[in-house]
Amino acid sequence: MAWDEAYLEQARSDWQMHDVVRQSSAATCHRLHYLQMTTEKLGKAGRLRAGANLATLRRSHRGFVRFLQLAARNQALAQALEIR
């Protein structure tokens, strides 16, 4: 499995856990944790597919912010994500 696919699979798993925690009586901080994990891994998957350097991404926790910045400049992607 390629790294971008692995990050996407992890994002899906984290999102499932977000839903489990959301439906439980756990504190909100736990739901926010899984939301953060989901968005970071989604961002890394998207950036890797766009050609980003794996070593750089693995050391960073800014993947989702950078992904959104790039998506905002890509009309087709921005429309698909309903950013605009």
PDB file of N, CA and C in Angstrom:
ATOM      1  N   MET A   1       0.848  -1.173   0.000  1.00  0.00           N
ATOM      2  CA  MET A   1       0.000   0.000   0.000  1.00  0.00           C
ATOM      3  C   MET A   1       0.899   1.243   0.000  1.00  0.00           C
ATOM      4  N   ALA A   2       0.555   2.201  -0.825  1.00  0.00           N
ATOM      5  CA  ALA A   2       1.306   3.452  -0.901  1.00  0.00           C
ATOM      6  C   ALA A   2       1.007   4.314   0.333  1.00  0.00           C
ATOM      7  N   TRP A   3       1.920   5.237   0.646  1.00  0.00           N
ATOM      8  CA  TRP A   3       1.761   6.083   1.829  1.00  0.00           C
ATOM      9  C   TRP A   3       0.485   6.917   1.779  1.00  0.00           C
ATOM     10  N   ASP A   4       0.157   7.470   0.616  1.00  0.00           N
ATOM     11  CA  ASP A   4      -1.059   8.284   0.537  1.00  0.00           C
ATOM     12  C   ASP A   4      -2.296   7.440   0.835  1.00  0.00           C
ATOM     13  N   GLU A   5      -2.304   6.211   0.351  1.00  0.00           N
ATOM     14  CA  GLU A   5      -3.424   5.313   0.620  1.00  0.00           C
ATOM     15  C   GLU A   5      -3.480   4.940   2.102  1.00  0.00           C
ATOM     16  N   ALA A   6      -2.310   4.737   2.704  1.00  0.00           N
ATOM     17  CA  ALA A   6      -2.259   4.391   4.125  1.00  0.00           C
ATOM     18  C   ALA A   6      -2.792   5.534   4.985  1.00  0.00           C
ATOM     19  N   TYR A   7      -2.386   6.760   4.663  1.00  0.00           N
ATOM     20  CA  TYR A   7      -2.903   7.909   5.418  1.00  0.00           C
ATOM     21  C   TYR A   7      -4.412   8.048   5.243  1.00  0.00           C
ATOM     22  N   LEU A   8      -4.902   7.817   4.037  1.00  0.00           N
ATOM     23  CA  LEU A   8      -6.340   7.909   3.800  1.00  0.00           C
ATOM     24  C   LEU A   8      -7.088   6.833   4.589  1.00  0.00           C
ATOM     25  N   GLU A   9      -6.550   5.639   4.614  1.00  0.00           N
ATOM     26  CA  GLU A   9      -7.172   4.552   5.386  1.00  0.00           C
ATOM     27  C   GLU A   9      -7.175   4.881   6.879  1.00  0.00           C
ATOM     28  N   GLN A  10      -6.080   5.437   7.379  1.00  0.00           N
ATOM     29  CA  GLN A  10      -6.027   5.833   8.788  1.00  0.00           C
ATOM     30  C   GLN A  10      -7.031   6.948   9.081  1.00  0.00           C
ATOM     31  N   ALA A  11      -7.179   7.882   8.139  1.00  0.00           N
ATOM     32  CA  ALA A  11      -8.157   8.964   8.317  1.00  0.00           C
ATOM     33  C   ALA A  11      -9.566   8.394   8.421  1.00  0.00           C
ATOM     34  N   ARG A  12      -9.874   7.423   7.592  1.00  0.00           N
ATOM     35  CA  ARG A  12     -11.201   6.784   7.656  1.00  0.00           C
ATOM     36  C   ARG A  12     -11.419   6.107   9.007  1.00  0.00           C
ATOM     37  N   SER A  13     -10.396   5.416   9.491  1.00  0.00           N
ATOM     38  CA  SER A  13     -10.491   4.738  10.777  1.00  0.00           C
ATOM     39  C   SER A  13     -10.669   5.740  11.915  1.00  0.00           C
ATOM     40  N   ASP A  14      -9.899   6.824  11.883  1.00  0.00           N
ATOM     41  CA  ASP A  14     -10.038   7.856  12.911  1.00  0.00           C
ATOM     42  C   ASP A  14     -11.427   8.491  12.870  1.00  0.00           C
ATOM     43  N   TRP A  15     -11.978   8.671  11.662  1.00  0.00           N
ATOM     44  CA  TRP A  15     -13.319   9.256  11.545  1.00  0.00           C
ATOM     45  C   TRP A  15     -14.370   8.320  12.143  1.00  0.00           C
ATOM     46  N   GLN A  16     -14.188   7.021  11.944  1.00  0.00           N
ATOM     47  CA  GLN A  16     -15.108   6.052  12.550  1.00  0.00           C
ATOM     48  C   GLN A  16     -15.050   6.150  14.074  1.00  0.00           C
ATOM     49  N   MET A  17     -13.837   6.288  14.614  1.00  0.00           N
ATOM     50  CA  MET A  17     -13.699   6.430  16.066  1.00  0.00           C
ATOM     51  C   MET A  17     -14.296   7.752  16.544  1.00  0.00           C
ATOM     52  N   HIS A  18     -14.167   8.791  15.744  1.00  0.00           N
ATOM     53  CA  HIS A  18     -14.795  10.076  16.073  1.00  0.00           C
ATOM     54  C   HIS A  18     -16.296   9.875  16.263  1.00  0.00           C
ATOM     55  N   ASP A  19     -16.911   9.129  15.351  1.00  0.00           N
ATOM     56  CA  ASP A  19     -18.349   8.872  15.461  1.00  0.00           C
ATOM     57  C   ASP A  19     -18.689   8.046  16.698  1.00  0.00           C
ATOM     58  N   VAL A  20     -17.858   7.053  16.999  1.00  0.00           N
ATOM     59  CA  VAL A  20     -18.090   6.225  18.192  1.00  0.00           C
ATOM     60  C   VAL A  20     -18.024   7.093  19.447  1.00  0.00           C
ATOM     61  N   VAL A  21     -16.990   7.915  19.534  1.00  0.00           N
ATOM     62  CA  VAL A  21     -16.817   8.776  20.704  1.00  0.00           C
ATOM     63  C   VAL A  21     -17.931   9.817  20.776  1.00  0.00           C
ATOM     64  N   ARG A  22     -18.332  10.352  19.625  1.00  0.00           N
ATOM     65  CA  ARG A  22     -19.389  11.367  19.580  1.00  0.00           C
ATOM     66  C   ARG A  22     -20.697  10.819  20.155  1.00  0.00           C
ATOM     67  N   GLN A  23     -20.956   9.555  19.909  1.00  0.00           N
ATOM     68  CA  GLN A  23     -22.201   8.947  20.373  1.00  0.00           C
ATOM     69  C   GLN A  23     -22.110   8.434  21.809  1.00  0.00           C
ATOM     70  N   SER A  24     -20.939   8.539  22.404  1.00  0.00           N
ATOM     71  CA  SER A  24     -20.760   8.064  23.776  1.00  0.00           C
ATOM     72  C   SER A  24     -20.862   9.238  24.750  1.00  0.00           C
ATOM     73  N   SER A  25     -20.648   8.933  26.002  1.00  0.00           N
ATOM     74  CA  SER A  25     -20.674   9.979  27.028  1.00  0.00           C
ATOM     75  C   SER A  25     -19.275  10.528  27.306  1.00  0.00           C
ATOM     76  N   ALA A  26     -18.324  10.206  26.452  1.00  0.00           N
ATOM     77  CA  ALA A  26     -16.949  10.675  26.644  1.00  0.00           C
ATOM     78  C   ALA A  26     -16.879  12.195  26.524  1.00  0.00           C
ATOM     79  N   ALA A  27     -15.890  12.768  27.156  1.00  0.00           N
ATOM     80  CA  ALA A  27     -15.702  14.220  27.128  1.00  0.00           C
ATOM     81  C   ALA A  27     -15.457  14.706  25.697  1.00  0.00           C
ATOM     82  N   THR A  28     -15.856  15.929  25.432  1.00  0.00           N
ATOM     83  CA  THR A  28     -15.722  16.526  24.102  1.00  0.00           C
ATOM     84  C   THR A  28     -14.279  16.513  23.614  1.00  0.00           C
ATOM     85  N   CYS A  29     -13.324  16.621  24.523  1.00  0.00           N
ATOM     86  CA  CYS A  29     -11.918  16.653  24.108  1.00  0.00           C
ATOM     87  C   CYS A  29     -11.533  15.390  23.339  1.00  0.00           C
ATOM     88  N   HIS A  30     -12.159  14.257  23.651  1.00  0.00           N
ATOM     89  CA  HIS A  30     -11.844  13.013  22.949  1.00  0.00           C
ATOM     90  C   HIS A  30     -12.366  13.054  21.516  1.00  0.00           C
ATOM     91  N   ARG A  31     -13.551  13.616  21.339  1.00  0.00           N
ATOM     92  CA  ARG A  31     -14.108  13.774  19.989  1.00  0.00           C
ATOM     93  C   ARG A  31     -13.219  14.715  19.171  1.00  0.00           C
ATOM     94  N   LEU A  32     -12.786  15.800  19.786  1.00  0.00           N
ATOM     95  CA  LEU A  32     -11.920  16.751  19.087  1.00  0.00           C
ATOM     96  C   LEU A  32     -10.575  16.126  18.725  1.00  0.00           C
ATOM     97  N   HIS A  33     -10.083  15.249  19.589  1.00  0.00           N
ATOM     98  CA  HIS A  33      -8.822  14.556  19.297  1.00  0.00           C
ATOM     99  C   HIS A  33      -8.945  13.742  18.006  1.00  0.00           C
ATOM    100  N   TYR A  34     -10.012  12.969  17.888  1.00  0.00           N
ATOM    101  CA  TYR A  34     -10.180  12.156  16.680  1.00  0.00           C
ATOM    102  C   TYR A  34     -10.467  13.006  15.455  1.00  0.00           C
ATOM    103  N   LEU A  35     -11.126  14.129  15.626  1.00  0.00           N
ATOM    104  CA  LEU A  35     -11.333  15.044  14.510  1.00  0.00           C
ATOM    105  C   LEU A  35      -9.994  15.603  14.033  1.00  0.00           C
ATOM    106  N   GLN A  36      -9.138  15.991  14.971  1.00  0.00           N
ATOM    107  CA  GLN A  36      -7.813  16.491  14.614  1.00  0.00           C
ATOM    108  C   GLN A  36      -7.004  15.413  13.900  1.00  0.00           C
ATOM    109  N   MET A  37      -7.021  14.200  14.429  1.00  0.00           N
ATOM    110  CA  MET A  37      -6.266  13.109  13.810  1.00  0.00           C
ATOM    111  C   MET A  37      -6.773  12.841  12.393  1.00  0.00           C
ATOM    112  N   THR A  38      -8.087  12.854  12.219  1.00  0.00           N
ATOM    113  CA  THR A  38      -8.678  12.624  10.899  1.00  0.00           C
ATOM    114  C   THR A  38      -8.221  13.673   9.905  1.00  0.00           C
ATOM    115  N   THR A  39      -8.309  14.937  10.300  1.00  0.00           N
ATOM    116  CA  THR A  39      -7.970  16.006   9.357  1.00  0.00           C
ATOM    117  C   THR A  39      -6.487  16.028   9.031  1.00  0.00           C
ATOM    118  N   GLU A  40      -5.630  15.741  10.000  1.00  0.00           N
ATOM    119  CA  GLU A  40      -4.192  15.700   9.723  1.00  0.00           C
ATOM    120  C   GLU A  40      -3.865  14.606   8.707  1.00  0.00           C
ATOM    121  N   LYS A  41      -4.434  13.427   8.900  1.00  0.00           N
ATOM    122  CA  LYS A  41      -4.134  12.314   7.995  1.00  0.00           C
ATOM    123  C   LYS A  41      -4.763  12.523   6.625  1.00  0.00           C
ATOM    124  N   LEU A  42      -5.940  13.122   6.589  1.00  0.00           N
ATOM    125  CA  LEU A  42      -6.561  13.455   5.312  1.00  0.00           C
ATOM    126  C   LEU A  42      -5.698  14.465   4.561  1.00  0.00           C
ATOM    127  N   GLY A  43      -5.211  15.454   5.280  1.00  0.00           N
ATOM    128  CA  GLY A  43      -4.335  16.450   4.663  1.00  0.00           C
ATOM    129  C   GLY A  43      -3.056  15.837   4.131  1.00  0.00           C
ATOM    130  N   LYS A  44      -2.453  14.942   4.893  1.00  0.00           N
ATOM    131  CA  LYS A  44      -1.217  14.298   4.445  1.00  0.00           C
ATOM    132  C   LYS A  44      -1.465  13.419   3.225  1.00  0.00           C
ATOM    133  N   ALA A  45      -2.576  12.708   3.209  1.00  0.00           N
ATOM    134  CA  ALA A  45      -2.901  11.881   2.037  1.00  0.00           C
ATOM    135  C   ALA A  45      -3.043  12.750   0.798  1.00  0.00           C
ATOM    136  N   GLY A  46      -3.762  13.844   0.930  1.00  0.00           N
ATOM    137  CA  GLY A  46      -3.951  14.744  -0.204  1.00  0.00           C
ATOM    138  C   GLY A  46      -2.661  15.375  -0.672  1.00  0.00           C
ATOM    139  N   ARG A  47      -1.826  15.792   0.268  1.00  0.00           N
ATOM    140  CA  ARG A  47      -0.549  16.407  -0.098  1.00  0.00           C
ATOM    141  C   ARG A  47       0.380  15.405  -0.766  1.00  0.00           C
ATOM    142  N   LEU A  48       0.389  14.164  -0.283  1.00  0.00           N
ATOM    143  CA  LEU A  48       1.231  13.145  -0.914  1.00  0.00           C
ATOM    144  C   LEU A  48       0.774  12.876  -2.340  1.00  0.00           C
ATOM    145  N   ARG A  49      -0.518  12.822  -2.549  1.00  0.00           N
ATOM    146  CA  ARG A  49      -1.035  12.609  -3.904  1.00  0.00           C
ATOM    147  C   ARG A  49      -0.676  13.765  -4.823  1.00  0.00           C
ATOM    148  N   ALA A  50      -0.469  14.935  -4.240  1.00  0.00           N
ATOM    149  CA  ALA A  50      -0.096  16.117  -5.029  1.00  0.00           C
ATOM    150  C   ALA A  50       1.414  16.213  -5.219  1.00  0.00           C
ATOM    151  N   GLY A  51       2.164  15.244  -4.676  1.00  0.00           N
ATOM    152  CA  GLY A  51       3.601  15.203  -4.905  1.00  0.00           C
ATOM    153  C   GLY A  51       4.470  15.723  -3.778  1.00  0.00           C
ATOM    154  N   ALA A  52       3.909  15.943  -2.595  1.00  0.00           N
ATOM    155  CA  ALA A  52       4.695  16.443  -1.461  1.00  0.00           C
ATOM    156  C   ALA A  52       5.722  15.400  -1.021  1.00  0.00           C
ATOM    157  N   ASN A  53       6.740  15.865  -0.337  1.00  0.00           N
ATOM    158  CA  ASN A  53       7.816  15.016   0.157  1.00  0.00           C
ATOM    159  C   ASN A  53       7.368  14.273   1.419  1.00  0.00           C
ATOM    160  N   LEU A  54       7.470  12.957   1.400  1.00  0.00           N
ATOM    161  CA  LEU A  54       7.024  12.128   2.522  1.00  0.00           C
ATOM    162  C   LEU A  54       7.792  12.445   3.798  1.00  0.00           C
ATOM    163  N   ALA A  55       9.106  12.572   3.714  1.00  0.00           N
ATOM    164  CA  ALA A  55       9.912  12.825   4.912  1.00  0.00           C
ATOM    165  C   ALA A  55       9.493  14.127   5.590  1.00  0.00           C
ATOM    166  N   THR A  56       9.205  15.137   4.804  1.00  0.00           N
ATOM    167  CA  THR A  56       8.769  16.417   5.358  1.00  0.00           C
ATOM    168  C   THR A  56       7.405  16.279   6.023  1.00  0.00           C
ATOM    169  N   LEU A  57       6.483  15.593   5.371  1.00  0.00           N
ATOM    170  CA  LEU A  57       5.134  15.431   5.924  1.00  0.00           C
ATOM    171  C   LEU A  57       5.126  14.632   7.218  1.00  0.00           C
ATOM    172  N   ARG A  58       5.996  13.664   7.311  1.00  0.00           N
ATOM    173  CA  ARG A  58       6.010  12.813   8.501  1.00  0.00           C
ATOM    174  C   ARG A  58       6.480  13.564   9.737  1.00  0.00           C
ATOM    175  N   ARG A  59       7.204  14.666   9.538  1.00  0.00           N
ATOM    176  CA  ARG A  59       7.699  15.453  10.668  1.00  0.00           C
ATOM    177  C   ARG A  59       6.776  16.615  11.025  1.00  0.00           C
ATOM    178  N   SER A  60       5.708  16.789  10.280  1.00  0.00           N
ATOM    179  CA  SER A  60       4.874  17.978  10.435  1.00  0.00           C
ATOM    180  C   SER A  60       3.465  17.634  10.897  1.00  0.00           C
ATOM    181  N   HIS A  61       2.874  18.555  11.630  1.00  0.00           N
ATOM    182  CA  HIS A  61       1.475  18.424  12.035  1.00  0.00           C
ATOM    183  C   HIS A  61       0.644  19.544  11.425  1.00  0.00           C
ATOM    184  N   ARG A  62       1.113  20.065  10.305  1.00  0.00           N
ATOM    185  CA  ARG A  62       0.407  21.150   9.633  1.00  0.00           C
ATOM    186  C   ARG A  62      -0.192  20.684   8.315  1.00  0.00           C
ATOM    187  N   GLY A  63      -0.336  19.386   8.159  1.00  0.00           N
ATOM    188  CA  GLY A  63      -0.787  18.827   6.889  1.00  0.00           C
ATOM    189  C   GLY A  63      -2.133  19.331   6.417  1.00  0.00           C
ATOM    190  N   PHE A  64      -3.097  19.398   7.300  1.00  0.00           N
ATOM    191  CA  PHE A  64      -4.435  19.776   6.876  1.00  0.00           C
ATOM    192  C   PHE A  64      -4.516  21.253   6.515  1.00  0.00           C
ATOM    193  N   VAL A  65      -3.848  22.099   7.273  1.00  0.00           N
ATOM    194  CA  VAL A  65      -3.845  23.535   6.961  1.00  0.00           C
ATOM    195  C   VAL A  65      -3.241  23.764   5.586  1.00  0.00           C
ATOM    196  N   ARG A  66      -2.112  23.133   5.332  1.00  0.00           N
ATOM    197  CA  ARG A  66      -1.457  23.294   4.028  1.00  0.00           C
ATOM    198  C   ARG A  66      -2.341  22.729   2.917  1.00  0.00           C
ATOM    199  N   PHE A  67      -2.979  21.602   3.164  1.00  0.00           N
ATOM    200  CA  PHE A  67      -3.878  21.004   2.185  1.00  0.00           C
ATOM    201  C   PHE A  67      -5.004  21.973   1.833  1.00  0.00           C
ATOM    202  N   LEU A  68      -5.602  22.608   2.830  1.00  0.00           N
ATOM    203  CA  LEU A  68      -6.681  23.565   2.566  1.00  0.00           C
ATOM    204  C   LEU A  68      -6.182  24.785   1.802  1.00  0.00           C
ATOM    205  N   GLN A  69      -4.971  25.231   2.108  1.00  0.00           N
ATOM    206  CA  GLN A  69      -4.403  26.361   1.374  1.00  0.00           C
ATOM    207  C   GLN A  69      -4.238  26.009  -0.102  1.00  0.00           C
ATOM    208  N   LEU A  70      -3.747  24.822  -0.369  1.00  0.00           N
ATOM    209  CA  LEU A  70      -3.576  24.385  -1.757  1.00  0.00           C
ATOM    210  C   LEU A  70      -4.928  24.159  -2.428  1.00  0.00           C
ATOM    211  N   ALA A  71      -5.865  23.588  -1.697  1.00  0.00           N
ATOM    212  CA  ALA A  71      -7.188  23.319  -2.261  1.00  0.00           C
ATOM    213  C   ALA A  71      -7.895  24.613  -2.638  1.00  0.00           C
ATOM    214  N   ALA A  72      -7.679  25.649  -1.874  1.00  0.00           N
ATOM    215  CA  ALA A  72      -8.323  26.934  -2.160  1.00  0.00           C
ATOM    216  C   ALA A  72      -7.852  27.508  -3.492  1.00  0.00           C
ATOM    217  N   ARG A  73      -6.647  27.135  -3.913  1.00  0.00           N
ATOM    218  CA  ARG A  73      -6.097  27.618  -5.186  1.00  0.00           C
ATOM    219  C   ARG A  73      -6.466  26.722  -6.365  1.00  0.00           C
ATOM    220  N   ASN A  74      -6.987  25.549  -6.080  1.00  0.00           N
ATOM    221  CA  ASN A  74      -7.347  24.583  -7.118  1.00  0.00           C
ATOM    222  C   ASN A  74      -8.868  24.601  -7.252  1.00  0.00           C
ATOM    223  N   GLN A  75      -9.365  25.234  -8.309  1.00  0.00           N
ATOM    224  CA  GLN A  75     -10.815  25.426  -8.448  1.00  0.00           C
ATOM    225  C   GLN A  75     -11.609  24.130  -8.397  1.00  0.00           C
ATOM    226  N   ALA A  76     -11.158  23.121  -9.121  1.00  0.00           N
ATOM    227  CA  ALA A  76     -11.902  21.860  -9.165  1.00  0.00           C
ATOM    228  C   ALA A  76     -11.958  21.212  -7.782  1.00  0.00           C
ATOM    229  N   LEU A  77     -10.828  21.200  -7.089  1.00  0.00           N
ATOM    230  CA  LEU A  77     -10.783  20.599  -5.755  1.00  0.00           C
ATOM    231  C   LEU A  77     -11.598  21.427  -4.763  1.00  0.00           C
ATOM    232  N   ALA A  78     -11.475  22.730  -4.835  1.00  0.00           N
ATOM    233  CA  ALA A  78     -12.238  23.605  -3.942  1.00  0.00           C
ATOM    234  C   ALA A  78     -13.740  23.401  -4.127  1.00  0.00           C
ATOM    235  N   GLN A  79     -14.171  23.249  -5.360  1.00  0.00           N
ATOM    236  CA  GLN A  79     -15.590  23.014  -5.617  1.00  0.00           C
ATOM    237  C   GLN A  79     -16.020  21.649  -5.094  1.00  0.00           C
ATOM    238  N   ALA A  80     -15.172  20.636  -5.301  1.00  0.00           N
ATOM    239  CA  ALA A  80     -15.501  19.293  -4.823  1.00  0.00           C
ATOM    240  C   ALA A  80     -15.613  19.262  -3.299  1.00  0.00           C
ATOM    241  N   LEU A  81     -14.764  20.041  -2.619  1.00  0.00           N
ATOM    242  CA  LEU A  81     -14.780  20.096  -1.158  1.00  0.00           C
ATOM    243  C   LEU A  81     -15.751  21.145  -0.626  1.00  0.00           C
ATOM    244  N   GLU A  82     -16.384  21.864  -1.555  1.00  0.00           N
ATOM    245  CA  GLU A  82     -17.327  22.935  -1.218  1.00  0.00           C
ATOM    246  C   GLU A  82     -16.670  23.995  -0.344  1.00  0.00           C
ATOM    247  N   ILE A  83     -15.419  24.352  -0.690  1.00  0.00           N
ATOM    248  CA  ILE A  83     -14.684  25.389   0.028  1.00  0.00           C
ATOM    249  C   ILE A  83     -15.129  26.769  -0.431  1.00  0.00           C
ATOM    250  N   ARG A  84     -15.505  26.890  -1.690  1.00  0.00           N
ATOM    251  CA  ARG A  84     -15.913  28.190  -2.238  1.00  0.00           C
ATOM    252  C   ARG A  84     -17.394  28.242  -2.423  1.00  0.00           C
TER     253      ARG A  84
END
